[in-house]
Amino acid sequence: MAARLGNFIIFIFFTIITLGLYPLFFFVSRQQETVELLKAIKEELRK
Protein backbone atom coordinates (compact mmCIF):
# COMPACT_ATOMS: atom_id res chain seq x y z
CA MET A 1 0.00 0.00 0.00
CA ALA A 2 2.84 2.40 0.83
CA ALA A 3 4.50 1.79 -2.53
CA ARG A 4 1.27 2.58 -4.38
CA LEU A 5 0.82 5.75 -2.35
CA GLY A 6 4.41 6.77 -3.09
CA ASN A 7 3.92 6.20 -6.81
CA PHE A 8 0.73 8.23 -6.72
CA ILE A 9 2.48 11.14 -4.98
CA ILE A 10 5.26 11.06 -7.59
CA PHE A 11 2.63 11.03 -10.34
CA ILE A 12 0.88 14.06 -8.84
CA PHE A 13 4.23 15.88 -8.47
CA PHE A 14 5.16 15.33 -12.14
CA THR A 15 1.66 16.29 -13.26
CA ILE A 16 1.90 19.62 -11.45
CA ILE A 17 5.34 20.33 -12.93
CA THR A 18 4.21 19.43 -16.45
CA LEU A 19 1.06 21.55 -16.29
CA GLY A 20 3.17 24.42 -14.97
CA LEU A 21 5.64 24.19 -17.86
CA TYR A 22 3.11 23.72 -20.65
CA PRO A 23 1.80 27.32 -20.70
CA LEU A 24 5.37 28.62 -20.89
CA PHE A 25 6.16 26.24 -23.78
CA PHE A 26 2.95 27.25 -25.58
CA PHE A 27 3.71 30.97 -25.19
CA VAL A 28 7.31 30.64 -26.44
CA SER A 29 6.40 28.46 -29.43
CA ARG A 30 3.55 30.81 -30.36
CA GLN A 31 5.88 33.81 -30.22
CA GLN A 32 8.37 32.02 -32.50
CA GLU A 33 5.62 31.29 -35.03
CA THR A 34 4.52 34.93 -34.93
CA VAL A 35 8.06 36.16 -35.56
CA GLU A 36 8.45 33.78 -38.51
CA LEU A 37 5.16 34.97 -39.98
CA LEU A 38 6.08 38.63 -39.58
CA LYS A 39 9.44 38.01 -41.28
CA ALA A 40 7.65 36.40 -44.23
CA ILE A 41 5.22 39.33 -44.47
CA LYS A 42 8.11 41.80 -44.34
CA GLU A 43 9.90 40.02 -47.16
CA GLU A 44 6.72 40.00 -49.28
CA LEU A 45 6.23 43.73 -48.73
CA ARG A 46 9.79 44.45 -49.82
CA LYS A 47 9.20 42.76 -53.20
PDB file of N, CA and C in Angstrom:
ATOM      1  N   MET A   1       0.830  -1.197   0.000  1.00  0.00           N
ATOM      2  CA  MET A   1       0.000   0.000   0.000  1.00  0.00           C
ATOM      3  C   MET A   1       0.868   1.253   0.000  1.00  0.00           C
ATOM      4  N   ALA A   2       1.964   1.233   0.758  1.00  0.00           N
ATOM      5  CA  ALA A   2       2.838   2.400   0.831  1.00  0.00           C
ATOM      6  C   ALA A   2       3.508   2.676  -0.509  1.00  0.00           C
ATOM      7  N   ALA A   3       3.860   1.620  -1.223  1.00  0.00           N
ATOM      8  CA  ALA A   3       4.502   1.790  -2.533  1.00  0.00           C
ATOM      9  C   ALA A   3       3.523   2.425  -3.519  1.00  0.00           C
ATOM     10  N   ARG A   4       2.277   2.004  -3.480  1.00  0.00           N
ATOM     11  CA  ARG A   4       1.270   2.579  -4.384  1.00  0.00           C
ATOM     12  C   ARG A   4       1.041   4.047  -4.054  1.00  0.00           C
ATOM     13  N   LEU A   5       1.010   4.363  -2.768  1.00  0.00           N
ATOM     14  CA  LEU A   5       0.819   5.751  -2.352  1.00  0.00           C
ATOM     15  C   LEU A   5       2.015   6.598  -2.796  1.00  0.00           C
ATOM     16  N   GLY A   6       3.216   6.053  -2.664  1.00  0.00           N
ATOM     17  CA  GLY A   6       4.412   6.768  -3.095  1.00  0.00           C
ATOM     18  C   GLY A   6       4.404   7.027  -4.591  1.00  0.00           C
ATOM     19  N   ASN A   7       4.010   6.026  -5.354  1.00  0.00           N
ATOM     20  CA  ASN A   7       3.919   6.196  -6.807  1.00  0.00           C
ATOM     21  C   ASN A   7       2.864   7.237  -7.181  1.00  0.00           C
ATOM     22  N   PHE A   8       1.774   7.247  -6.458  1.00  0.00           N
ATOM     23  CA  PHE A   8       0.730   8.232  -6.717  1.00  0.00           C
ATOM     24  C   PHE A   8       1.223   9.643  -6.426  1.00  0.00           C
ATOM     25  N   ILE A   9       1.935   9.814  -5.337  1.00  0.00           N
ATOM     26  CA  ILE A   9       2.479  11.136  -4.982  1.00  0.00           C
ATOM     27  C   ILE A   9       3.476  11.606  -6.044  1.00  0.00           C
ATOM     28  N   ILE A  10       4.320  10.708  -6.525  1.00  0.00           N
ATOM     29  CA  ILE A  10       5.263  11.059  -7.593  1.00  0.00           C
ATOM     30  C   ILE A  10       4.508  11.448  -8.855  1.00  0.00           C
ATOM     31  N   PHE A  11       3.454  10.717  -9.175  1.00  0.00           N
ATOM     32  CA  PHE A  11       2.630  11.033 -10.344  1.00  0.00           C
ATOM     33  C   PHE A  11       2.017  12.425 -10.218  1.00  0.00           C
ATOM     34  N   ILE A  12       1.473  12.741  -9.065  1.00  0.00           N
ATOM     35  CA  ILE A  12       0.879  14.062  -8.837  1.00  0.00           C
ATOM     36  C   ILE A  12       1.943  15.148  -8.972  1.00  0.00           C
ATOM     37  N   PHE A  13       3.128  14.914  -8.412  1.00  0.00           N
ATOM     38  CA  PHE A  13       4.232  15.880  -8.474  1.00  0.00           C
ATOM     39  C   PHE A  13       4.601  16.176  -9.928  1.00  0.00           C
ATOM     40  N   PHE A  14       4.787  15.129 -10.734  1.00  0.00           N
ATOM     41  CA  PHE A  14       5.156  15.334 -12.136  1.00  0.00           C
ATOM     42  C   PHE A  14       4.026  15.973 -12.936  1.00  0.00           C
ATOM     43  N   THR A  15       2.792  15.669 -12.584  1.00  0.00           N
ATOM     44  CA  THR A  15       1.659  16.288 -13.264  1.00  0.00           C
ATOM     45  C   THR A  15       1.639  17.783 -13.008  1.00  0.00           C
ATOM     46  N   ILE A  16       1.878  18.194 -11.783  1.00  0.00           N
ATOM     47  CA  ILE A  16       1.899  19.622 -11.452  1.00  0.00           C
ATOM     48  C   ILE A  16       3.032  20.324 -12.182  1.00  0.00           C
ATOM     49  N   ILE A  17       4.205  19.723 -12.224  1.00  0.00           N
ATOM     50  CA  ILE A  17       5.339  20.334 -12.928  1.00  0.00           C
ATOM     51  C   ILE A  17       5.024  20.460 -14.416  1.00  0.00           C
ATOM     52  N   THR A  18       4.492  19.417 -15.008  1.00  0.00           N
ATOM     53  CA  THR A  18       4.205  19.427 -16.447  1.00  0.00           C
ATOM     54  C   THR A  18       3.157  20.480 -16.784  1.00  0.00           C
ATOM     55  N   LEU A  19       2.100  20.560 -16.009  1.00  0.00           N
ATOM     56  CA  LEU A  19       1.064  21.550 -16.287  1.00  0.00           C
ATOM     57  C   LEU A  19       1.573  22.956 -16.050  1.00  0.00           C
ATOM     58  N   GLY A  20       2.572  23.106 -15.187  1.00  0.00           N
ATOM     59  CA  GLY A  20       3.173  24.416 -14.965  1.00  0.00           C
ATOM     60  C   GLY A  20       4.076  24.833 -16.107  1.00  0.00           C
ATOM     61  N   LEU A  21       4.723  23.875 -16.771  1.00  0.00           N
ATOM     62  CA  LEU A  21       5.637  24.193 -17.859  1.00  0.00           C
ATOM     63  C   LEU A  21       4.929  24.336 -19.202  1.00  0.00           C
ATOM     64  N   TYR A  22       3.796  23.691 -19.360  1.00  0.00           N
ATOM     65  CA  TYR A  22       3.113  23.718 -20.651  1.00  0.00           C
ATOM     66  C   TYR A  22       2.719  25.126 -21.100  1.00  0.00           C
ATOM     67  N   PRO A  23       2.139  25.965 -20.233  1.00  0.00           N
ATOM     68  CA  PRO A  23       1.796  27.318 -20.703  1.00  0.00           C
ATOM     69  C   PRO A  23       3.025  28.110 -21.157  1.00  0.00           C
ATOM     70  N   LEU A  24       4.148  27.940 -20.483  1.00  0.00           N
ATOM     71  CA  LEU A  24       5.373  28.621 -20.894  1.00  0.00           C
ATOM     72  C   LEU A  24       5.811  28.126 -22.270  1.00  0.00           C
ATOM     73  N   PHE A  25       5.799  26.816 -22.481  1.00  0.00           N
ATOM     74  CA  PHE A  25       6.163  26.243 -23.777  1.00  0.00           C
ATOM     75  C   PHE A  25       5.226  26.754 -24.872  1.00  0.00           C
ATOM     76  N   PHE A  26       3.933  26.795 -24.596  1.00  0.00           N
ATOM     77  CA  PHE A  26       2.952  27.252 -25.579  1.00  0.00           C
ATOM     78  C   PHE A  26       3.210  28.708 -25.944  1.00  0.00           C
ATOM     79  N   PHE A  27       3.475  29.553 -24.944  1.00  0.00           N
ATOM     80  CA  PHE A  27       3.713  30.972 -25.193  1.00  0.00           C
ATOM     81  C   PHE A  27       4.974  31.175 -26.041  1.00  0.00           C
ATOM     82  N   VAL A  28       6.051  30.489 -25.705  1.00  0.00           N
ATOM     83  CA  VAL A  28       7.312  30.641 -26.437  1.00  0.00           C
ATOM     84  C   VAL A  28       7.161  30.142 -27.875  1.00  0.00           C
ATOM     85  N   SER A  29       6.556  28.984 -28.070  1.00  0.00           N
ATOM     86  CA  SER A  29       6.402  28.460 -29.426  1.00  0.00           C
ATOM     87  C   SER A  29       5.471  29.352 -30.251  1.00  0.00           C
ATOM     88  N   ARG A  30       4.461  29.906 -29.638  1.00  0.00           N
ATOM     89  CA  ARG A  30       3.547  30.812 -30.355  1.00  0.00           C
ATOM     90  C   ARG A  30       4.277  32.081 -30.771  1.00  0.00           C
ATOM     91  N   GLN A  31       5.115  32.614 -29.898  1.00  0.00           N
ATOM     92  CA  GLN A  31       5.883  33.811 -30.224  1.00  0.00           C
ATOM     93  C   GLN A  31       6.839  33.531 -31.388  1.00  0.00           C
ATOM     94  N   GLN A  32       7.465  32.364 -31.405  1.00  0.00           N
ATOM     95  CA  GLN A  32       8.371  32.018 -32.498  1.00  0.00           C
ATOM     96  C   GLN A  32       7.610  31.940 -33.819  1.00  0.00           C
ATOM     97  N   GLU A  33       6.432  31.356 -33.818  1.00  0.00           N
ATOM     98  CA  GLU A  33       5.622  31.287 -35.032  1.00  0.00           C
ATOM     99  C   GLU A  33       5.231  32.683 -35.506  1.00  0.00           C
ATOM    100  N   THR A  34       4.898  33.568 -34.579  1.00  0.00           N
ATOM    101  CA  THR A  34       4.520  34.930 -34.930  1.00  0.00           C
ATOM    102  C   THR A  34       5.687  35.670 -35.570  1.00  0.00           C
ATOM    103  N   VAL A  35       6.878  35.510 -35.010  1.00  0.00           N
ATOM    104  CA  VAL A  35       8.064  36.162 -35.558  1.00  0.00           C
ATOM    105  C   VAL A  35       8.340  35.655 -36.975  1.00  0.00           C
ATOM    106  N   GLU A  36       8.235  34.348 -37.174  1.00  0.00           N
ATOM    107  CA  GLU A  36       8.454  33.780 -38.515  1.00  0.00           C
ATOM    108  C   GLU A  36       7.447  34.344 -39.512  1.00  0.00           C
ATOM    109  N   LEU A  37       6.194  34.437 -39.106  1.00  0.00           N
ATOM    110  CA  LEU A  37       5.158  34.969 -39.984  1.00  0.00           C
ATOM    111  C   LEU A  37       5.415  36.427 -40.317  1.00  0.00           C
ATOM    112  N   LEU A  38       5.802  37.221 -39.341  1.00  0.00           N
ATOM    113  CA  LEU A  38       6.084  38.631 -39.577  1.00  0.00           C
ATOM    114  C   LEU A  38       7.292  38.817 -40.495  1.00  0.00           C
ATOM    115  N   LYS A  39       8.290  37.946 -40.367  1.00  0.00           N
ATOM    116  CA  LYS A  39       9.445  38.010 -41.279  1.00  0.00           C
ATOM    117  C   LYS A  39       9.013  37.728 -42.707  1.00  0.00           C
ATOM    118  N   ALA A  40       8.148  36.732 -42.892  1.00  0.00           N
ATOM    119  CA  ALA A  40       7.655  36.403 -44.226  1.00  0.00           C
ATOM    120  C   ALA A  40       6.847  37.562 -44.817  1.00  0.00           C
ATOM    121  N   ILE A  41       6.021  38.195 -44.001  1.00  0.00           N
ATOM    122  CA  ILE A  41       5.223  39.330 -44.468  1.00  0.00           C
ATOM    123  C   ILE A  41       6.145  40.485 -44.862  1.00  0.00           C
ATOM    124  N   LYS A  42       7.154  40.739 -44.052  1.00  0.00           N
ATOM    125  CA  LYS A  42       8.109  41.803 -44.336  1.00  0.00           C
ATOM    126  C   LYS A  42       8.828  41.577 -45.668  1.00  0.00           C
ATOM    127  N   GLU A  43       9.230  40.343 -45.910  1.00  0.00           N
ATOM    128  CA  GLU A  43       9.901  40.022 -47.164  1.00  0.00           C
ATOM    129  C   GLU A  43       8.962  40.199 -48.361  1.00  0.00           C
ATOM    130  N   GLU A  44       7.696  39.836 -48.196  1.00  0.00           N
ATOM    131  CA  GLU A  44       6.722  40.003 -49.284  1.00  0.00           C
ATOM    132  C   GLU A  44       6.495  41.484 -49.579  1.00  0.00           C
ATOM    133  N   LEU A  45       6.457  42.304 -48.533  1.00  0.00           N
ATOM    134  CA  LEU A  45       6.226  43.734 -48.734  1.00  0.00           C
ATOM    135  C   LEU A  45       7.408  44.399 -49.409  1.00  0.00           C
ATOM    136  N   ARG A  46       8.607  43.888 -49.181  1.00  0.00           N
ATOM    137  CA  ARG A  46       9.795  44.452 -49.825  1.00  0.00           C
ATOM    138  C   ARG A  46       9.816  44.194 -51.322  1.00  0.00           C
ATOM    139  N   LYS A  47       9.169  43.124 -51.763  1.00  0.00           N
ATOM    140  CA  LYS A  47       9.199  42.758 -53.205  1.00  0.00           C
ATOM    141  C   LYS A  47       8.328  43.661 -54.054  1.00  0.00           C
TER     142      LYS A  47
END
